[in-house]
């Protein structure tokens, strides 16, 4: 009896397939590998969306750290622009990592890319920066 039911169902499926084929449509048969790849892409997309959602909630924290960096700016200084240039009103170059400053005319002045540009050597020193050996020797000779 089971065999008869399978034959009837098989006959129905064959009839459906023939009718579908007669309509001019084509069956889309997707390989197992393509299905697995699509499922992996969907999983990856879900992870990416979760990361974006997490990042979106962390933006205020990033903005807060930017505000903190802005308050790190010493009085009488401007932040360097990533080049070796400083504004005319702020000619003293300072590097936060070394806490040294460079004045115009020093041997390393032209190649120094400053993190801060100070209005004067006094302002740089008040901010906790020290002269390089050249500046220190030059100050003593004056």
N, C-alpha and C. Protein backbone atom coordinates (compact mmCIF):
# COMPACT_ATOMS: atom_id res chain seq x y z
N UNK A 1 0.81 -1.17 0.00
CA UNK A 1 0.00 0.00 0.00
C UNK A 1 0.86 1.25 0.00
N UNK A 2 1.94 1.19 0.75
CA UNK A 2 2.83 2.34 0.79
C UNK A 2 3.40 2.61 -0.59
N UNK A 3 3.74 1.57 -1.33
CA UNK A 3 4.29 1.70 -2.66
C UNK A 3 3.29 2.38 -3.59
N UNK A 4 2.07 2.05 -3.48
CA UNK A 4 1.03 2.65 -4.32
C UNK A 4 0.91 4.14 -4.02
N UNK A 5 0.96 4.51 -2.74
CA UNK A 5 0.86 5.92 -2.35
C UNK A 5 2.06 6.69 -2.90
N UNK A 6 3.25 6.10 -2.82
CA UNK A 6 4.46 6.77 -3.35
C UNK A 6 4.35 6.95 -4.86
N UNK A 7 3.79 5.93 -5.55
CA UNK A 7 3.63 6.04 -7.00
C UNK A 7 2.64 7.13 -7.36
N UNK A 8 1.56 7.22 -6.60
CA UNK A 8 0.55 8.26 -6.86
C UNK A 8 1.16 9.63 -6.63
N UNK A 9 1.89 9.78 -5.51
CA UNK A 9 2.52 11.08 -5.19
C UNK A 9 3.57 11.41 -6.24
N UNK A 10 4.37 10.42 -6.65
CA UNK A 10 5.36 10.62 -7.70
C UNK A 10 4.72 11.03 -9.00
N UNK A 11 3.59 10.42 -9.31
CA UNK A 11 2.85 10.79 -10.52
C UNK A 11 2.34 12.21 -10.45
N UNK A 12 1.88 12.63 -9.26
CA UNK A 12 1.39 14.01 -9.08
C UNK A 12 2.53 15.00 -9.26
N UNK A 13 3.67 14.68 -8.68
CA UNK A 13 4.82 15.58 -8.81
C UNK A 13 5.28 15.67 -10.25
N UNK A 14 5.29 14.55 -10.95
CA UNK A 14 5.68 14.56 -12.35
C UNK A 14 4.70 15.41 -13.16
N UNK A 15 3.42 15.27 -12.88
CA UNK A 15 2.42 16.06 -13.59
C UNK A 15 2.61 17.56 -13.30
N UNK A 16 2.89 17.88 -12.05
CA UNK A 16 3.14 19.29 -11.70
C UNK A 16 4.37 19.83 -12.43
N UNK A 17 5.43 19.03 -12.47
CA UNK A 17 6.65 19.46 -13.14
C UNK A 17 6.41 19.63 -14.63
N UNK A 18 5.65 18.73 -15.25
CA UNK A 18 5.36 18.85 -16.67
C UNK A 18 4.52 20.08 -16.96
N UNK A 19 3.56 20.37 -16.10
CA UNK A 19 2.72 21.55 -16.27
C UNK A 19 3.55 22.82 -16.12
N UNK A 20 4.44 22.80 -15.16
CA UNK A 20 5.31 23.95 -14.93
C UNK A 20 6.21 24.17 -16.15
N UNK A 21 6.77 23.09 -16.67
CA UNK A 21 7.65 23.16 -17.83
C UNK A 21 6.88 23.65 -19.05
N UNK A 22 5.65 23.20 -19.20
CA UNK A 22 4.82 23.60 -20.34
C UNK A 22 4.52 25.10 -20.30
N UNK A 23 4.53 25.68 -19.10
CA UNK A 23 4.24 27.11 -18.98
C UNK A 23 5.41 27.97 -19.46
N UNK A 24 6.56 27.34 -19.72
CA UNK A 24 7.73 28.09 -20.20
C UNK A 24 8.65 28.53 -19.08
N UNK A 25 8.27 28.30 -17.86
CA UNK A 25 9.11 28.68 -16.73
C UNK A 25 10.18 27.62 -16.51
N UNK A 26 11.22 28.00 -15.82
CA UNK A 26 12.29 27.06 -15.51
C UNK A 26 12.41 26.91 -14.00
N UNK A 27 12.71 25.72 -13.60
CA UNK A 27 12.94 25.47 -12.18
C UNK A 27 14.33 25.98 -11.81
N UNK A 28 14.41 26.66 -10.72
CA UNK A 28 15.70 27.12 -10.23
C UNK A 28 16.19 26.12 -9.20
N UNK A 29 17.21 25.41 -9.57
CA UNK A 29 17.79 24.44 -8.65
C UNK A 29 19.09 25.02 -8.16
N UNK A 30 19.17 25.18 -6.86
CA UNK A 30 20.33 25.82 -6.24
C UNK A 30 21.22 24.76 -5.62
N UNK A 31 22.52 24.76 -5.96
CA UNK A 31 23.43 23.78 -5.36
C UNK A 31 23.54 23.98 -3.85
N UNK A 32 23.81 22.90 -3.15
CA UNK A 32 23.95 22.93 -1.70
C UNK A 32 25.02 23.94 -1.28
N UNK A 33 26.11 24.01 -2.05
CA UNK A 33 27.20 24.95 -1.72
C UNK A 33 26.70 26.39 -1.75
N UNK A 34 25.85 26.70 -2.74
CA UNK A 34 25.32 28.06 -2.85
C UNK A 34 24.42 28.39 -1.67
N UNK A 35 23.65 27.42 -1.24
CA UNK A 35 22.77 27.64 -0.08
C UNK A 35 23.61 27.88 1.17
N UNK A 36 24.64 27.07 1.35
CA UNK A 36 25.52 27.23 2.51
C UNK A 36 26.22 28.59 2.47
N UNK A 37 26.65 29.00 1.27
CA UNK A 37 27.32 30.30 1.13
C UNK A 37 26.35 31.44 1.45
N UNK A 38 25.10 31.32 0.98
CA UNK A 38 24.10 32.36 1.26
C UNK A 38 23.82 32.44 2.75
N UNK A 39 23.72 31.28 3.40
CA UNK A 39 23.49 31.28 4.84
C UNK A 39 24.64 31.92 5.59
N UNK A 40 25.88 31.68 5.12
CA UNK A 40 27.05 32.29 5.76
C UNK A 40 27.03 33.80 5.55
N UNK A 41 26.65 34.24 4.34
CA UNK A 41 26.56 35.68 4.08
C UNK A 41 25.50 36.32 4.97
N UNK A 42 24.39 35.65 5.15
CA UNK A 42 23.34 36.18 6.02
C UNK A 42 23.83 36.28 7.47
N UNK A 43 24.58 35.28 7.91
CA UNK A 43 25.13 35.31 9.26
C UNK A 43 26.14 36.44 9.41
N UNK A 44 27.00 36.59 8.38
CA UNK A 44 27.98 37.68 8.41
C UNK A 44 27.29 39.04 8.43
N UNK A 45 26.22 39.17 7.65
CA UNK A 45 25.48 40.44 7.62
C UNK A 45 24.87 40.73 8.99
N UNK A 46 24.35 39.71 9.65
CA UNK A 46 23.77 39.90 10.98
C UNK A 46 24.83 40.36 11.97
N UNK A 47 26.02 39.78 11.90
CA UNK A 47 27.12 40.19 12.77
C UNK A 47 27.51 41.64 12.48
N UNK A 48 27.60 41.98 11.18
CA UNK A 48 27.96 43.36 10.81
C UNK A 48 26.94 44.36 11.32
N UNK A 49 25.66 44.01 11.21
CA UNK A 49 24.62 44.91 11.73
C UNK A 49 24.71 45.06 13.24
N UNK A 50 25.04 43.99 13.93
CA UNK A 50 25.20 44.07 15.38
C UNK A 50 26.37 44.98 15.74
N UNK A 51 27.45 44.89 14.96
CA UNK A 51 28.63 45.75 15.20
C UNK A 51 28.27 47.21 14.98
N UNK A 52 27.52 47.47 13.91
CA UNK A 52 27.09 48.85 13.62
C UNK A 52 26.22 49.38 14.75
N UNK A 53 25.30 48.55 15.22
CA UNK A 53 24.44 48.98 16.33
C UNK A 53 25.26 49.30 17.58
N UNK A 54 26.25 48.46 17.87
CA UNK A 54 27.12 48.68 19.02
C UNK A 54 27.92 49.96 18.84
N UNK A 55 28.46 50.15 17.65
CA UNK A 55 29.26 51.35 17.38
C UNK A 55 28.41 52.61 17.50
N UNK A 56 27.17 52.52 17.07
CA UNK A 56 26.28 53.68 17.15
C UNK A 56 26.02 54.08 18.58
N UNK A 57 25.97 53.12 19.48
CA UNK A 57 25.75 53.45 20.89
C UNK A 57 27.02 53.94 21.56
N UNK A 58 28.18 53.66 20.96
CA UNK A 58 29.45 54.09 21.55
C UNK A 58 29.92 55.44 21.02
N UNK A 59 29.21 56.04 20.08
CA UNK A 59 29.61 57.34 19.52
C UNK A 59 29.73 58.40 20.60
N UNK A 60 28.78 58.52 21.54
CA UNK A 60 28.95 59.53 22.58
C UNK A 60 30.25 59.37 23.36
N UNK A 61 30.68 58.14 23.60
CA UNK A 61 31.94 57.93 24.31
C UNK A 61 33.11 58.43 23.47
N UNK A 62 33.07 58.21 22.17
CA UNK A 62 34.14 58.70 21.29
C UNK A 62 34.14 60.22 21.26
N UNK A 63 32.95 60.82 21.23
CA UNK A 63 32.87 62.27 21.25
C UNK A 63 33.42 62.82 22.56
N UNK A 64 33.18 62.12 23.66
CA UNK A 64 33.69 62.56 24.96
C UNK A 64 35.21 62.53 24.97
N UNK A 65 35.81 61.48 24.38
CA UNK A 65 37.27 61.42 24.37
C UNK A 65 37.85 62.52 23.49
N UNK A 66 37.14 62.89 22.41
CA UNK A 66 37.58 64.00 21.57
C UNK A 66 37.54 65.30 22.36
N UNK A 67 36.49 65.47 23.16
CA UNK A 67 36.38 66.66 23.99
C UNK A 67 37.50 66.71 25.01
N UNK A 68 37.86 65.54 25.56
CA UNK A 68 38.96 65.50 26.52
C UNK A 68 40.27 65.90 25.86
N UNK A 69 40.50 65.44 24.63
CA UNK A 69 41.72 65.80 23.91
C UNK A 69 41.77 67.30 23.68
N UNK A 70 40.62 67.89 23.35
CA UNK A 70 40.58 69.33 23.12
C UNK A 70 40.92 70.10 24.40
N UNK A 71 40.55 69.56 25.57
CA UNK A 71 40.86 70.26 26.81
C UNK A 71 42.33 70.06 27.20
N UNK A 72 43.03 69.12 26.54
CA UNK A 72 44.46 68.91 26.79
C UNK A 72 45.31 70.01 26.17
N UNK A 73 44.72 70.88 25.41
CA UNK A 73 45.44 71.94 24.73
C UNK A 73 45.98 72.94 25.75
N UNK A 74 47.31 73.07 25.84
CA UNK A 74 47.88 74.02 26.80
C UNK A 74 47.49 75.47 26.47
N UNK A 75 47.43 76.27 27.50
CA UNK A 75 47.11 77.68 27.30
C UNK A 75 48.24 78.33 26.50
N UNK A 76 47.88 79.16 25.53
CA UNK A 76 48.87 79.84 24.69
C UNK A 76 49.41 78.97 23.57
N UNK A 77 48.68 77.89 23.25
CA UNK A 77 49.13 76.98 22.20
C UNK A 77 47.98 76.66 21.26
N UNK A 78 48.34 76.21 20.08
CA UNK A 78 47.37 75.66 19.13
C UNK A 78 47.85 74.26 18.77
N UNK A 79 46.93 73.42 18.37
CA UNK A 79 47.28 72.06 17.98
C UNK A 79 47.94 72.08 16.61
N UNK A 80 48.98 71.25 16.43
CA UNK A 80 49.64 71.11 15.15
C UNK A 80 48.68 70.53 14.13
N UNK A 81 48.93 70.82 12.84
CA UNK A 81 48.01 70.35 11.80
C UNK A 81 48.53 69.12 11.05
N UNK A 82 49.58 68.48 11.57
CA UNK A 82 50.11 67.29 10.93
C UNK A 82 51.20 67.58 9.91
N UNK A 83 51.49 68.86 9.71
CA UNK A 83 52.58 69.24 8.82
C UNK A 83 53.71 69.80 9.67
N UNK A 84 54.77 70.24 9.04
CA UNK A 84 55.88 70.81 9.81
C UNK A 84 55.70 72.32 10.01
N UNK A 85 54.53 72.83 9.66
CA UNK A 85 54.28 74.27 9.77
C UNK A 85 53.53 74.63 11.04
N UNK A 86 53.84 75.83 11.56
CA UNK A 86 53.11 76.42 12.67
C UNK A 86 52.65 77.81 12.23
N UNK A 87 51.55 78.29 12.79
CA UNK A 87 51.12 79.66 12.46
C UNK A 87 52.19 80.68 12.89
N UNK A 88 52.24 81.79 12.20
CA UNK A 88 53.24 82.83 12.52
C UNK A 88 53.17 83.28 13.97
N UNK A 89 51.96 83.35 14.54
CA UNK A 89 51.79 83.80 15.92
C UNK A 89 52.19 82.74 16.94
N UNK A 90 52.41 81.52 16.49
CA UNK A 90 52.76 80.39 17.36
C UNK A 90 53.97 79.65 16.78
N UNK A 91 55.15 80.26 16.80
CA UNK A 91 56.30 79.69 16.09
C UNK A 91 57.05 78.57 16.82
N UNK A 92 56.78 78.36 18.08
CA UNK A 92 57.52 77.36 18.85
C UNK A 92 56.84 76.00 18.71
N UNK A 93 57.60 75.01 18.25
CA UNK A 93 57.06 73.67 18.02
C UNK A 93 57.27 72.80 19.25
N UNK A 94 56.21 72.10 19.67
CA UNK A 94 56.32 71.22 20.83
C UNK A 94 55.81 69.83 20.51
N UNK A 95 56.49 68.84 21.06
CA UNK A 95 56.08 67.44 20.90
C UNK A 95 55.68 66.88 22.25
N UNK A 96 54.45 66.39 22.33
CA UNK A 96 53.92 65.89 23.60
C UNK A 96 54.67 64.66 24.09
N UNK A 97 55.13 63.80 23.19
CA UNK A 97 55.79 62.56 23.62
C UNK A 97 57.13 62.83 24.30
N UNK A 98 57.88 63.79 23.78
CA UNK A 98 59.20 64.09 24.36
C UNK A 98 59.15 65.24 25.36
N UNK A 99 58.05 66.02 25.29
CA UNK A 99 57.91 67.23 26.11
C UNK A 99 59.05 68.22 25.85
N UNK A 100 59.55 68.23 24.61
CA UNK A 100 60.59 69.19 24.20
C UNK A 100 59.99 70.19 23.23
N UNK A 101 60.56 71.40 23.23
CA UNK A 101 60.13 72.38 22.23
C UNK A 101 61.31 72.77 21.36
N UNK A 102 60.98 73.24 20.15
CA UNK A 102 61.98 73.64 19.16
C UNK A 102 61.65 75.06 18.71
N UNK A 103 62.63 75.92 18.74
CA UNK A 103 62.41 77.30 18.30
C UNK A 103 62.97 77.49 16.90
N UNK A 104 62.48 78.51 16.17
CA UNK A 104 62.99 78.77 14.83
C UNK A 104 64.51 78.97 14.86
N UNK A 105 65.20 78.37 13.90
CA UNK A 105 66.65 78.48 13.84
C UNK A 105 67.37 77.28 14.41
N UNK A 106 66.67 76.46 15.19
CA UNK A 106 67.34 75.27 15.73
C UNK A 106 67.52 74.25 14.59
N UNK A 107 68.53 73.39 14.70
CA UNK A 107 68.84 72.46 13.62
C UNK A 107 67.68 71.52 13.24
N UNK A 108 66.85 71.15 14.18
CA UNK A 108 65.78 70.20 13.87
C UNK A 108 64.43 70.88 13.65
N UNK A 109 64.40 72.21 13.68
CA UNK A 109 63.13 72.94 13.59
C UNK A 109 62.36 72.62 12.30
N UNK A 110 63.03 72.68 11.15
CA UNK A 110 62.32 72.50 9.87
C UNK A 110 61.74 71.11 9.71
N UNK A 111 62.40 70.09 10.24
CA UNK A 111 61.90 68.74 10.06
C UNK A 111 60.98 68.27 11.19
N UNK A 112 60.76 69.10 12.20
CA UNK A 112 59.89 68.74 13.31
C UNK A 112 58.43 68.94 12.92
N UNK A 113 57.64 67.90 13.13
CA UNK A 113 56.19 67.98 12.94
C UNK A 113 55.59 68.11 14.34
N UNK A 114 55.12 69.31 14.68
CA UNK A 114 54.69 69.56 16.06
C UNK A 114 53.29 69.03 16.37
N UNK A 115 53.13 68.64 17.62
CA UNK A 115 51.79 68.32 18.11
C UNK A 115 51.14 69.61 18.64
N UNK A 116 51.98 70.53 19.14
CA UNK A 116 51.52 71.83 19.60
C UNK A 116 52.41 72.91 19.03
N UNK A 117 51.83 74.08 18.80
CA UNK A 117 52.59 75.26 18.41
C UNK A 117 52.34 76.30 19.51
N UNK A 118 53.43 76.79 20.10
CA UNK A 118 53.32 77.74 21.21
C UNK A 118 53.62 79.16 20.76
N UNK A 119 53.05 80.12 21.50
CA UNK A 119 53.27 81.53 21.19
C UNK A 119 54.69 81.97 21.54
N UNK A 120 55.29 81.34 22.55
CA UNK A 120 56.65 81.70 22.96
C UNK A 120 57.28 80.55 23.72
N UNK A 121 58.60 80.65 23.95
CA UNK A 121 59.28 79.61 24.73
C UNK A 121 58.79 79.63 26.17
N UNK A 122 58.45 80.81 26.67
CA UNK A 122 57.93 80.92 28.04
C UNK A 122 56.61 80.17 28.19
N UNK A 123 55.76 80.29 27.18
CA UNK A 123 54.47 79.60 27.21
C UNK A 123 54.70 78.09 27.15
N UNK A 124 55.64 77.65 26.31
CA UNK A 124 55.95 76.23 26.20
C UNK A 124 56.46 75.69 27.54
N UNK A 125 57.35 76.44 28.18
CA UNK A 125 57.89 76.01 29.47
C UNK A 125 56.80 75.99 30.54
N UNK A 126 55.88 76.97 30.51
CA UNK A 126 54.78 77.00 31.46
C UNK A 126 53.86 75.78 31.28
N UNK A 127 53.82 75.24 30.07
CA UNK A 127 53.00 74.06 29.79
C UNK A 127 53.73 72.77 30.11
N UNK A 128 54.96 72.87 30.63
CA UNK A 128 55.71 71.69 31.02
C UNK A 128 56.67 71.17 29.97
N UNK A 129 56.91 71.94 28.92
CA UNK A 129 57.85 71.53 27.88
C UNK A 129 59.22 72.09 28.20
N UNK A 130 60.26 71.38 27.81
CA UNK A 130 61.63 71.78 28.07
C UNK A 130 62.34 72.09 26.76
N UNK A 131 63.39 72.92 26.83
CA UNK A 131 64.15 73.21 25.61
C UNK A 131 65.00 72.00 25.20
N UNK A 132 65.27 71.91 23.90
CA UNK A 132 66.22 70.89 23.44
C UNK A 132 67.61 71.33 23.88
N UNK A 133 68.59 70.49 23.69
CA UNK A 133 69.97 70.86 24.06
C UNK A 133 70.39 72.12 23.29
N UNK A 134 70.00 72.22 22.05
CA UNK A 134 70.35 73.39 21.24
C UNK A 134 69.75 74.65 21.86
N UNK A 135 68.44 74.59 22.17
CA UNK A 135 67.76 75.77 22.76
C UNK A 135 68.38 76.11 24.10
N UNK A 136 68.66 75.11 24.92
CA UNK A 136 69.24 75.36 26.24
C UNK A 136 70.61 76.02 26.10
N UNK A 137 71.44 75.54 25.19
CA UNK A 137 72.76 76.13 24.98
C UNK A 137 72.65 77.52 24.39
N UNK A 138 71.68 77.72 23.52
CA UNK A 138 71.49 79.01 22.87
C UNK A 138 71.01 80.06 23.89
N UNK A 139 70.13 79.62 24.82
CA UNK A 139 69.65 80.53 25.86
C UNK A 139 70.78 80.96 26.80
N UNK A 140 71.68 80.00 27.13
CA UNK A 140 72.79 80.31 28.03
C UNK A 140 73.76 81.29 27.41
N UNK A 141 73.93 81.24 26.10
CA UNK A 141 74.90 82.12 25.45
C UNK A 141 74.38 83.54 25.30
N UNK A 142 73.09 83.74 25.47
CA UNK A 142 72.52 85.10 25.32
C UNK A 142 72.70 85.92 26.54
